[in-house]
Amino acid sequence: IFPTSVEYNEKTMEEALKKVEKMEDDLGGTEILQPLEHIYSQPCIPK
């Protein structure tokens, strides 16, 4: 949904809710390895 993790507030929550409600099962099979690798490549946010 976002290029990188964003702070959770009213604005970002509403934006995420709208996108989640439009999600459909249209991306094919279950491939978890690639998104995991992408997540782990993102630097952790201090604190």
All heavy atoms as atom14 arrays in JSON, in Angstrom:
{
  "sequence": "IFPTSVEYNEKTMEEALKKVEKMEDDLGGTEILQPLEHIYSQPCIPK",
  "atom14_mask": [
    [1, 1, 1, 1, 1, 1, 1, 1, 0, 0, 0, 0, 0, 0],
    [1, 1, 1, 1, 1, 1, 1, 1, 1, 1, 1, 0, 0, 0],
    [1, 1, 1, 1, 1, 1, 1, 0, 0, 0, 0, 0, 0, 0],
    [1, 1, 1, 1, 1, 1, 1, 0, 0, 0, 0, 0, 0, 0],
    [1, 1, 1, 1, 1, 1, 0, 0, 0, 0, 0, 0, 0, 0],
    [1, 1, 1, 1, 1, 1, 1, 0, 0, 0, 0, 0, 0, 0],
    [1, 1, 1, 1, 1, 1, 1, 1, 1, 0, 0, 0, 0, 0],
    [1, 1, 1, 1, 1, 1, 1, 1, 1, 1, 1, 1, 0, 0],
    [1, 1, 1, 1, 1, 1, 1, 1, 0, 0, 0, 0, 0, 0],
    [1, 1, 1, 1, 1, 1, 1, 1, 1, 0, 0, 0, 0, 0],
    [1, 1, 1, 1, 1, 1, 1, 1, 1, 0, 0, 0, 0, 0],
    [1, 1, 1, 1, 1, 1, 1, 0, 0, 0, 0, 0, 0, 0],
    [1, 1, 1, 1, 1, 1, 1, 1, 0, 0, 0, 0, 0, 0],
    [1, 1, 1, 1, 1, 1, 1, 1, 1, 0, 0, 0, 0, 0],
    [1, 1, 1, 1, 1, 1, 1, 1, 1, 0, 0, 0, 0, 0],
    [1, 1, 1, 1, 1, 0, 0, 0, 0, 0, 0, 0, 0, 0],
    [1, 1, 1, 1, 1, 1, 1, 1, 0, 0, 0, 0, 0, 0],
    [1, 1, 1, 1, 1, 1, 1, 1, 1, 0, 0, 0, 0, 0],
    [1, 1, 1, 1, 1, 1, 1, 1, 1, 0, 0, 0, 0, 0],
    [1, 1, 1, 1, 1, 1, 1, 0, 0, 0, 0, 0, 0, 0],
    [1, 1, 1, 1, 1, 1, 1, 1, 1, 0, 0, 0, 0, 0],
    [1, 1, 1, 1, 1, 1, 1, 1, 1, 0, 0, 0, 0, 0],
    [1, 1, 1, 1, 1, 1, 1, 1, 0, 0, 0, 0, 0, 0],
    [1, 1, 1, 1, 1, 1, 1, 1, 1, 0, 0, 0, 0, 0],
    [1, 1, 1, 1, 1, 1, 1, 1, 0, 0, 0, 0, 0, 0],
    [1, 1, 1, 1, 1, 1, 1, 1, 0, 0, 0, 0, 0, 0],
    [1, 1, 1, 1, 1, 1, 1, 1, 0, 0, 0, 0, 0, 0],
    [1, 1, 1, 1, 0, 0, 0, 0, 0, 0, 0, 0, 0, 0],
    [1, 1, 1, 1, 0, 0, 0, 0, 0, 0, 0, 0, 0, 0],
    [1, 1, 1, 1, 1, 1, 1, 0, 0, 0, 0, 0, 0, 0],
    [1, 1, 1, 1, 1, 1, 1, 1, 1, 0, 0, 0, 0, 0],
    [1, 1, 1, 1, 1, 1, 1, 1, 0, 0, 0, 0, 0, 0],
    [1, 1, 1, 1, 1, 1, 1, 1, 0, 0, 0, 0, 0, 0],
    [1, 1, 1, 1, 1, 1, 1, 1, 1, 0, 0, 0, 0, 0],
    [1, 1, 1, 1, 1, 1, 1, 0, 0, 0, 0, 0, 0, 0],
    [1, 1, 1, 1, 1, 1, 1, 1, 0, 0, 0, 0, 0, 0],
    [1, 1, 1, 1, 1, 1, 1, 1, 1, 0, 0, 0, 0, 0],
    [1, 1, 1, 1, 1, 1, 1, 1, 1, 1, 0, 0, 0, 0],
    [1, 1, 1, 1, 1, 1, 1, 1, 0, 0, 0, 0, 0, 0],
    [1, 1, 1, 1, 1, 1, 1, 1, 1, 1, 1, 1, 0, 0],
    [1, 1, 1, 1, 1, 1, 0, 0, 0, 0, 0, 0, 0, 0],
    [1, 1, 1, 1, 1, 1, 1, 1, 1, 0, 0, 0, 0, 0],
    [1, 1, 1, 1, 1, 1, 1, 0, 0, 0, 0, 0, 0, 0],
    [1, 1, 1, 1, 1, 1, 0, 0, 0, 0, 0, 0, 0, 0],
    [1, 1, 1, 1, 1, 1, 1, 1, 0, 0, 0, 0, 0, 0],
    [1, 1, 1, 1, 1, 1, 1, 0, 0, 0, 0, 0, 0, 0],
    [1, 1, 1, 1, 1, 1, 1, 1, 1, 0, 0, 0, 0, 0]
  ],
  "atom14_positions": [
    [[0.82, -1.21, 0.0], [0.0, 0.0, 0.0], [0.85, 1.26, 0.0], [0.59, 2.21, -0.72], [-0.96, -0.01, 1.21], [-2.01, -1.11, 1.02], [-1.63, 1.34, 1.4], [-3.03, -1.19, 2.14], [0.0, 0.0, 0.0], [0.0, 0.0, 0.0], [0.0, 0.0, 0.0], [0.0, 0.0, 0.0], [0.0, 0.0, 0.0], [0.0, 0.0, 0.0]],
    [[1.9, 1.29, 0.82], [2.78, 2.44, 0.91], [4.19, 2.04, 0.46], [4.59, 0.88, 0.63], [2.84, 2.97, 2.35], [1.49, 3.32, 2.93], [0.88, 2.5, 3.87], [0.83, 4.47, 2.53], [-0.35, 2.81, 4.4], [-0.42, 4.81, 3.06], [-1.02, 3.97, 4.0], [0.0, 0.0, 0.0], [0.0, 0.0, 0.0], [0.0, 0.0, 0.0]],
    [[4.97, 2.98, -0.1], [6.34, 2.66, -0.51], [7.18, 2.13, 0.64], [7.95, 1.19, 0.49], [6.88, 4.0, -1.03], [5.65, 4.77, -1.41], [4.59, 4.37, -0.44], [0.0, 0.0, 0.0], [0.0, 0.0, 0.0], [0.0, 0.0, 0.0], [0.0, 0.0, 0.0], [0.0, 0.0, 0.0], [0.0, 0.0, 0.0], [0.0, 0.0, 0.0]],
    [[7.03, 2.74, 1.81], [7.67, 2.27, 3.03], [6.66, 2.42, 4.17], [5.62, 3.04, 4.0], [8.94, 3.1, 3.38], [8.56, 4.47, 3.53], [9.98, 2.99, 2.28], [0.0, 0.0, 0.0], [0.0, 0.0, 0.0], [0.0, 0.0, 0.0], [0.0, 0.0, 0.0], [0.0, 0.0, 0.0], [0.0, 0.0, 0.0], [0.0, 0.0, 0.0]],
    [[6.98, 1.86, 5.32], [6.06, 1.94, 6.46], [5.8, 3.4, 6.84], [6.7, 4.24, 6.8], [6.65, 1.2, 7.67], [6.73, -0.18, 7.4], [0.0, 0.0, 0.0], [0.0, 0.0, 0.0], [0.0, 0.0, 0.0], [0.0, 0.0, 0.0], [0.0, 0.0, 0.0], [0.0, 0.0, 0.0], [0.0, 0.0, 0.0], [0.0, 0.0, 0.0]],
    [[4.55, 3.69, 7.2], [4.16, 5.06, 7.56], [3.6, 5.08, 8.98], [3.18, 4.05, 9.51], [3.1, 5.6, 6.57], [3.66, 5.69, 5.16], [1.84, 4.74, 6.59], [0.0, 0.0, 0.0], [0.0, 0.0, 0.0], [0.0, 0.0, 0.0], [0.0, 0.0, 0.0], [0.0, 0.0, 0.0], [0.0, 0.0, 0.0], [0.0, 0.0, 0.0]],
    [[3.59, 6.25, 9.57], [3.05, 6.37, 10.93], [1.53, 6.16, 10.89], [0.83, 6.63, 10.01], [3.37, 7.74, 11.52], [2.93, 7.88, 12.97], [3.38, 9.18, 13.61], [4.13, 9.93, 12.96], [2.97, 9.44, 14.75], [0.0, 0.0, 0.0], [0.0, 0.0, 0.0], [0.0, 0.0, 0.0], [0.0, 0.0, 0.0], [0.0, 0.0, 0.0]],
    [[1.05, 5.43, 11.89], [-0.37, 5.11, 11.99], [-1.11, 6.29, 12.62], [-0.88, 6.64, 13.78], [-0.55, 3.85, 12.83], [-1.98, 3.38, 12.98], [-2.6, 2.65, 11.98], [-2.7, 3.65, 14.14], [-3.91, 2.2, 12.12], [-4.01, 3.2, 14.3], [-4.6, 2.47, 13.28], [-5.88, 2.03, 13.42], [0.0, 0.0, 0.0], [0.0, 0.0, 0.0]],
    [[-1.99, 6.92, 11.86], [-2.83, 8.0, 12.37], [-4.17, 7.95, 11.62], [-4.39, 7.05, 10.81], [-2.14, 9.37, 12.21], [-1.66, 9.62, 10.78], [-2.37, 9.3, 9.81], [-0.46, 10.19, 10.63], [0.0, 0.0, 0.0], [0.0, 0.0, 0.0], [0.0, 0.0, 0.0], [0.0, 0.0, 0.0], [0.0, 0.0, 0.0], [0.0, 0.0, 0.0]],
    [[-5.02, 8.88, 11.89], [-6.36, 8.86, 11.28], [-6.26, 8.88, 9.75], [-6.98, 8.13, 9.06], [-7.17, 10.08, 11.76], [-7.56, 10.04, 13.23], [-8.65, 9.02, 13.52], [-9.26, 8.52, 12.55], [-8.88, 8.72, 14.7], [0.0, 0.0, 0.0], [0.0, 0.0, 0.0], [0.0, 0.0, 0.0], [0.0, 0.0, 0.0], [0.0, 0.0, 0.0]],
    [[-5.38, 9.69, 9.22], [-5.27, 9.83, 7.76], [-4.77, 8.55, 7.11], [-5.38, 8.05, 6.15], [-4.33, 10.99, 7.43], [-4.15, 11.22, 5.93], [-3.19, 12.37, 5.65], [-2.98, 12.54, 4.15], [-2.01, 13.63, 3.85], [0.0, 0.0, 0.0], [0.0, 0.0, 0.0], [0.0, 0.0, 0.0], [0.0, 0.0, 0.0], [0.0, 0.0, 0.0]],
    [[-3.66, 8.0, 7.62], [-3.1, 6.8, 7.0], [-4.0, 5.59, 7.23], [-4.08, 4.7, 6.37], [-1.69, 6.51, 7.54], [-1.74, 6.4, 8.98], [-0.72, 7.61, 7.15], [0.0, 0.0, 0.0], [0.0, 0.0, 0.0], [0.0, 0.0, 0.0], [0.0, 0.0, 0.0], [0.0, 0.0, 0.0], [0.0, 0.0, 0.0], [0.0, 0.0, 0.0]],
    [[-4.69, 5.55, 8.37], [-5.6, 4.43, 8.62], [-6.74, 4.46, 7.61], [-7.11, 3.43, 7.03], [-6.17, 4.49, 10.04], [-7.13, 3.34, 10.34], [-7.95, 3.48, 11.95], [-9.05, 4.88, 11.65], [0.0, 0.0, 0.0], [0.0, 0.0, 0.0], [0.0, 0.0, 0.0], [0.0, 0.0, 0.0], [0.0, 0.0, 0.0], [0.0, 0.0, 0.0]],
    [[-7.35, 5.63, 7.38], [-8.45, 5.74, 6.43], [-8.0, 5.36, 5.02], [-8.73, 4.67, 4.28], [-9.01, 7.17, 6.44], [-9.78, 7.54, 7.7], [-11.01, 6.65, 7.9], [-11.61, 6.22, 6.88], [-11.36, 6.38, 9.06], [0.0, 0.0, 0.0], [0.0, 0.0, 0.0], [0.0, 0.0, 0.0], [0.0, 0.0, 0.0], [0.0, 0.0, 0.0]],
    [[-6.79, 5.8, 4.65], [-6.26, 5.46, 3.32], [-6.08, 3.95, 3.19], [-6.43, 3.35, 2.17], [-4.92, 6.18, 3.11], [-4.34, 5.98, 1.71], [-3.06, 6.75, 1.5], [-2.73, 7.62, 2.34], [-2.38, 6.49, 0.49], [0.0, 0.0, 0.0], [0.0, 0.0, 0.0], [0.0, 0.0, 0.0], [0.0, 0.0, 0.0], [0.0, 0.0, 0.0]],
    [[-5.54, 3.34, 4.24], [-5.33, 1.89, 4.21], [-6.65, 1.13, 4.2], [-6.8, 0.14, 3.47], [-4.48, 1.47, 5.41], [0.0, 0.0, 0.0], [0.0, 0.0, 0.0], [0.0, 0.0, 0.0], [0.0, 0.0, 0.0], [0.0, 0.0, 0.0], [0.0, 0.0, 0.0], [0.0, 0.0, 0.0], [0.0, 0.0, 0.0], [0.0, 0.0, 0.0]],
    [[-7.62, 1.59, 4.98], [-8.93, 0.92, 5.03], [-9.59, 0.9, 3.66], [-10.16, -0.11, 3.23], [-9.84, 1.61, 6.05], [-9.54, 1.37, 7.53], [-10.43, 2.24, 8.4], [-9.72, -0.11, 7.88], [0.0, 0.0, 0.0], [0.0, 0.0, 0.0], [0.0, 0.0, 0.0], [0.0, 0.0, 0.0], [0.0, 0.0, 0.0], [0.0, 0.0, 0.0]],
    [[-9.52, 2.01, 2.94], [-10.13, 2.09, 1.61], [-9.48, 1.09, 0.66], [-10.16, 0.43, -0.13], [-10.0, 3.52, 1.07], [-10.87, 4.54, 1.79], [-10.66, 5.94, 1.23], [-11.51, 6.96, 1.99], [-11.26, 8.34, 1.5], [0.0, 0.0, 0.0], [0.0, 0.0, 0.0], [0.0, 0.0, 0.0], [0.0, 0.0, 0.0], [0.0, 0.0, 0.0]],
    [[-8.15, 0.98, 0.74], [-7.45, 0.07, -0.17], [-7.69, -1.38, 0.21], [-7.83, -2.24, -0.66], [-5.95, 0.4, -0.16], [-5.64, 1.76, -0.78], [-4.15, 2.04, -0.84], [-3.87, 3.37, -1.51], [-2.42, 3.67, -1.58], [0.0, 0.0, 0.0], [0.0, 0.0, 0.0], [0.0, 0.0, 0.0], [0.0, 0.0, 0.0], [0.0, 0.0, 0.0]],
    [[-7.76, -1.68, 1.51], [-8.01, -3.05, 1.95], [-9.39, -3.51, 1.54], [-9.6, -4.65, 1.11], [-7.83, -3.16, 3.49], [-8.35, -4.51, 3.99], [-6.37, -3.0, 3.87], [0.0, 0.0, 0.0], [0.0, 0.0, 0.0], [0.0, 0.0, 0.0], [0.0, 0.0, 0.0], [0.0, 0.0, 0.0], [0.0, 0.0, 0.0], [0.0, 0.0, 0.0]],
    [[-10.38, -2.62, 1.64], [-11.75, -2.98, 1.29], [-11.88, -3.28, -0.2], [-12.8, -3.98, -0.63], [-12.69, -1.85, 1.7], [-12.9, -1.77, 3.22], [-13.63, -0.52, 3.66], [-13.8, 0.39, 2.8], [-14.03, -0.44, 4.83], [0.0, 0.0, 0.0], [0.0, 0.0, 0.0], [0.0, 0.0, 0.0], [0.0, 0.0, 0.0], [0.0, 0.0, 0.0]],
    [[-10.96, -2.76, -1.02], [-11.0, -3.0, -2.47], [-10.15, -4.2, -2.87], [-10.13, -4.58, -4.04], [-10.51, -1.75, -3.21], [-11.43, -0.55, -3.07], [-10.86, 0.64, -3.82], [-11.77, 1.87, -3.68], [-11.2, 3.05, -4.38], [0.0, 0.0, 0.0], [0.0, 0.0, 0.0], [0.0, 0.0, 0.0], [0.0, 0.0, 0.0], [0.0, 0.0, 0.0]],
    [[-9.44, -4.8, -1.9], [-8.58, -5.95, -2.22], [-9.41, -7.1, -2.74], [-10.48, -7.4, -2.23], [-7.81, -6.4, -0.96], [-6.55, -5.63, -0.7], [-5.66, -6.37, 0.7], [-4.26, -5.25, 0.84], [0.0, 0.0, 0.0], [0.0, 0.0, 0.0], [0.0, 0.0, 0.0], [0.0, 0.0, 0.0], [0.0, 0.0, 0.0], [0.0, 0.0, 0.0]],
    [[-8.88, -7.77, -3.77], [-9.53, -8.96, -4.3], [-8.51, -10.09, -4.41], [-7.3, -9.86, -4.44], [-10.14, -8.67, -5.68], [-11.29, -7.65, -5.64], [-11.9, -7.43, -7.01], [-11.49, -8.14, -7.96], [-12.78, -6.58, -7.14], [0.0, 0.0, 0.0], [0.0, 0.0, 0.0], [0.0, 0.0, 0.0], [0.0, 0.0, 0.0], [0.0, 0.0, 0.0]],
    [[-9.02, -11.3, -4.48], [-8.16, -12.47, -4.62], [-7.79, -12.63, -6.09], [-8.26, -13.54, -6.77], [-8.88, -13.71, -4.09], [-7.99, -14.94, -4.09], [-6.77, -14.77, -4.29], [-8.5, -16.05, -3.92], [0.0, 0.0, 0.0], [0.0, 0.0, 0.0], [0.0, 0.0, 0.0], [0.0, 0.0, 0.0], [0.0, 0.0, 0.0], [0.0, 0.0, 0.0]],
    [[-6.92, -11.72, -6.58], [-6.66, -11.68, -8.02], [-5.17, -11.7, -8.35], [-4.78, -11.35, -9.46], [-7.3, -10.44, -8.63], [-6.79, -9.14, -8.0], [-6.0, -9.21, -7.04], [-7.19, -8.07, -8.48], [0.0, 0.0, 0.0], [0.0, 0.0, 0.0], [0.0, 0.0, 0.0], [0.0, 0.0, 0.0], [0.0, 0.0, 0.0], [0.0, 0.0, 0.0]],
    [[-4.33, -12.09, -7.38], [-2.88, -12.08, -7.63], [-2.32, -13.47, -7.9], [-1.11, -13.67, -7.94], [-2.14, -11.45, -6.44], [-2.39, -9.95, -6.23], [-1.65, -9.46, -4.99], [-1.95, -9.15, -7.45], [0.0, 0.0, 0.0], [0.0, 0.0, 0.0], [0.0, 0.0, 0.0], [0.0, 0.0, 0.0], [0.0, 0.0, 0.0], [0.0, 0.0, 0.0]],
    [[-3.18, -14.46, -8.06], [-2.7, -15.8, -8.4], [-2.38, -16.63, -7.18], [-3.0, -16.48, -6.13], [0.0, 0.0, 0.0], [0.0, 0.0, 0.0], [0.0, 0.0, 0.0], [0.0, 0.0, 0.0], [0.0, 0.0, 0.0], [0.0, 0.0, 0.0], [0.0, 0.0, 0.0], [0.0, 0.0, 0.0], [0.0, 0.0, 0.0], [0.0, 0.0, 0.0]],
    [[-1.38, -17.52, -7.33], [-1.04, -18.48, -6.28], [-0.44, -17.85, -5.04], [-0.35, -16.63, -4.91], [0.0, 0.0, 0.0], [0.0, 0.0, 0.0], [0.0, 0.0, 0.0], [0.0, 0.0, 0.0], [0.0, 0.0, 0.0], [0.0, 0.0, 0.0], [0.0, 0.0, 0.0], [0.0, 0.0, 0.0], [0.0, 0.0, 0.0], [0.0, 0.0, 0.0]],
    [[-0.02, -18.73, -4.12], [0.51, -18.26, -2.83], [2.04, -18.25, -2.87], [2.68, -19.27, -2.69], [0.03, -19.18, -1.69], [-1.39, -19.26, -1.73], [0.45, -18.64, -0.34], [0.0, 0.0, 0.0], [0.0, 0.0, 0.0], [0.0, 0.0, 0.0], [0.0, 0.0, 0.0], [0.0, 0.0, 0.0], [0.0, 0.0, 0.0], [0.0, 0.0, 0.0]],
    [[2.62, -17.09, -3.16], [4.08, -16.93, -3.17], [4.46, -15.94, -2.08], [4.27, -14.73, -2.23], [4.56, -16.43, -4.54], [4.31, -17.41, -5.68], [5.18, -18.66, -5.59], [6.2, -18.61, -4.87], [4.84, -19.66, -6.24], [0.0, 0.0, 0.0], [0.0, 0.0, 0.0], [0.0, 0.0, 0.0], [0.0, 0.0, 0.0], [0.0, 0.0, 0.0]],
    [[4.98, -16.45, -0.97], [5.26, -15.6, 0.18], [6.73, -15.18, 0.25], [7.06, -14.14, 0.81], [4.86, -16.33, 1.49], [3.36, -16.65, 1.47], [5.18, -15.5, 2.71], [2.87, -17.36, 2.71], [0.0, 0.0, 0.0], [0.0, 0.0, 0.0], [0.0, 0.0, 0.0], [0.0, 0.0, 0.0], [0.0, 0.0, 0.0], [0.0, 0.0, 0.0]],
    [[7.62, -15.96, -0.36], [9.05, -15.72, -0.21], [9.46, -14.33, -0.72], [10.19, -13.61, -0.03], [9.84, -16.8, -0.95], [11.34, -16.84, -0.66], [11.6, -17.2, 0.8], [12.03, -17.85, -1.58], [0.0, 0.0, 0.0], [0.0, 0.0, 0.0], [0.0, 0.0, 0.0], [0.0, 0.0, 0.0], [0.0, 0.0, 0.0], [0.0, 0.0, 0.0]],
    [[8.99, -13.94, -1.89], [9.41, -12.66, -2.47], [8.97, -11.45, -1.63], [9.78, -10.56, -1.35], [8.92, -12.52, -3.91], [9.68, -13.36, -4.93], [9.34, -14.84, -4.84], [8.22, -15.19, -4.45], [10.28, -15.69, -5.2], [0.0, 0.0, 0.0], [0.0, 0.0, 0.0], [0.0, 0.0, 0.0], [0.0, 0.0, 0.0], [0.0, 0.0, 0.0]],
    [[7.69, -11.39, -1.21], [7.33, -10.24, -0.36], [8.07, -10.24, 0.97], [8.41, -9.18, 1.48], [5.81, -10.41, -0.16], [5.49, -11.81, -0.56], [6.5, -12.18, -1.59], [0.0, 0.0, 0.0], [0.0, 0.0, 0.0], [0.0, 0.0, 0.0], [0.0, 0.0, 0.0], [0.0, 0.0, 0.0], [0.0, 0.0, 0.0], [0.0, 0.0, 0.0]],
    [[8.37, -11.42, 1.53], [9.14, -11.47, 2.77], [10.53, -10.9, 2.56], [11.03, -10.11, 3.38], [9.25, -12.91, 3.27], [8.06, -13.5, 4.04], [8.38, -14.93, 4.46], [7.71, -12.65, 5.24], [0.0, 0.0, 0.0], [0.0, 0.0, 0.0], [0.0, 0.0, 0.0], [0.0, 0.0, 0.0], [0.0, 0.0, 0.0], [0.0, 0.0, 0.0]],
    [[11.17, -11.28, 1.46], [12.51, -10.76, 1.16], [12.47, -9.24, 1.02], [13.39, -8.55, 1.47], [13.04, -11.4, -0.12], [13.4, -12.88, 0.04], [13.79, -13.54, -1.26], [13.35, -13.05, -2.34], [14.51, -14.55, -1.23], [0.0, 0.0, 0.0], [0.0, 0.0, 0.0], [0.0, 0.0, 0.0], [0.0, 0.0, 0.0], [0.0, 0.0, 0.0]],
    [[11.42, -8.73, 0.4], [11.29, -7.28, 0.23], [11.1, -6.59, 1.58], [11.7, -5.54, 1.85], [10.12, -6.96, -0.71], [10.06, -5.52, -1.12], [9.35, -4.57, -0.41], [10.64, -4.86, -2.16], [9.47, -3.4, -1.0], [10.25, -3.55, -2.07], [0.0, 0.0, 0.0], [0.0, 0.0, 0.0], [0.0, 0.0, 0.0], [0.0, 0.0, 0.0]],
    [[10.28, -7.18, 2.44], [10.05, -6.61, 3.78], [11.35, -6.59, 4.57], [11.71, -5.57, 5.19], [8.97, -7.42, 4.52], [7.6, -7.19, 3.88], [8.92, -7.03, 6.01], [6.51, -8.14, 4.37], [0.0, 0.0, 0.0], [0.0, 0.0, 0.0], [0.0, 0.0, 0.0], [0.0, 0.0, 0.0], [0.0, 0.0, 0.0], [0.0, 0.0, 0.0]],
    [[12.08, -7.7, 4.57], [13.32, -7.77, 5.35], [14.4, -6.86, 4.81], [15.33, -6.49, 5.52], [13.82, -9.22, 5.4], [12.94, -10.16, 6.17], [12.74, -11.47, 5.74], [12.31, -9.76, 7.34], [11.93, -12.35, 6.45], [11.49, -10.63, 8.05], [11.31, -11.93, 7.61], [10.51, -12.78, 8.31], [0.0, 0.0, 0.0], [0.0, 0.0, 0.0]],
    [[14.3, -6.49, 3.53], [15.3, -5.58, 2.95], [15.08, -4.14, 3.39], [15.98, -3.3, 3.23], [15.26, -5.67, 1.42], [14.07, -5.06, 0.9], [0.0, 0.0, 0.0], [0.0, 0.0, 0.0], [0.0, 0.0, 0.0], [0.0, 0.0, 0.0], [0.0, 0.0, 0.0], [0.0, 0.0, 0.0], [0.0, 0.0, 0.0], [0.0, 0.0, 0.0]],
    [[13.9, -3.85, 3.93], [13.61, -2.5, 4.4], [14.28, -2.28, 5.76], [14.2, -3.15, 6.63], [12.1, -2.28, 4.54], [11.29, -2.58, 3.3], [11.58, -1.62, 2.17], [11.61, -0.42, 2.36], [11.83, -2.15, 0.98], [0.0, 0.0, 0.0], [0.0, 0.0, 0.0], [0.0, 0.0, 0.0], [0.0, 0.0, 0.0], [0.0, 0.0, 0.0]],
    [[14.94, -1.15, 5.98], [15.58, -0.93, 7.27], [14.55, -0.81, 8.4], [13.45, -0.28, 8.19], [16.33, 0.4, 7.08], [15.62, 1.08, 5.94], [15.13, -0.01, 5.05], [0.0, 0.0, 0.0], [0.0, 0.0, 0.0], [0.0, 0.0, 0.0], [0.0, 0.0, 0.0], [0.0, 0.0, 0.0], [0.0, 0.0, 0.0], [0.0, 0.0, 0.0]],
    [[14.89, -1.34, 9.56], [14.01, -1.2, 10.71], [13.97, 0.27, 11.16], [14.96, 1.0, 11.03], [14.49, -2.08, 11.87], [14.31, -3.84, 11.57], [0.0, 0.0, 0.0], [0.0, 0.0, 0.0], [0.0, 0.0, 0.0], [0.0, 0.0, 0.0], [0.0, 0.0, 0.0], [0.0, 0.0, 0.0], [0.0, 0.0, 0.0], [0.0, 0.0, 0.0]],
    [[12.84, 0.68, 11.68], [12.67, 2.06, 12.16], [13.14, 2.12, 13.61], [12.69, 1.32, 14.45], [11.2, 2.49, 12.06], [10.76, 2.43, 10.59], [11.0, 3.9, 12.62], [9.28, 2.67, 10.39], [0.0, 0.0, 0.0], [0.0, 0.0, 0.0], [0.0, 0.0, 0.0], [0.0, 0.0, 0.0], [0.0, 0.0, 0.0], [0.0, 0.0, 0.0]],
    [[14.07, 3.02, 13.95], [14.57, 3.1, 15.32], [13.43, 3.26, 16.34], [12.46, 3.96, 16.1], [15.46, 4.36, 15.29], [15.88, 4.49, 13.87], [14.71, 4.0, 13.06], [0.0, 0.0, 0.0], [0.0, 0.0, 0.0], [0.0, 0.0, 0.0], [0.0, 0.0, 0.0], [0.0, 0.0, 0.0], [0.0, 0.0, 0.0], [0.0, 0.0, 0.0]],
    [[13.56, 2.55, 17.45], [12.59, 2.59, 18.54], [11.23, 2.01, 18.16], [10.26, 2.16, 18.9], [12.39, 4.04, 19.05], [13.66, 4.78, 19.42], [14.35, 4.17, 20.61], [15.57, 4.98, 21.02], [16.3, 4.38, 22.16], [0.0, 0.0, 0.0], [0.0, 0.0, 0.0], [0.0, 0.0, 0.0], [0.0, 0.0, 0.0], [0.0, 0.0, 0.0]]
  ]
}
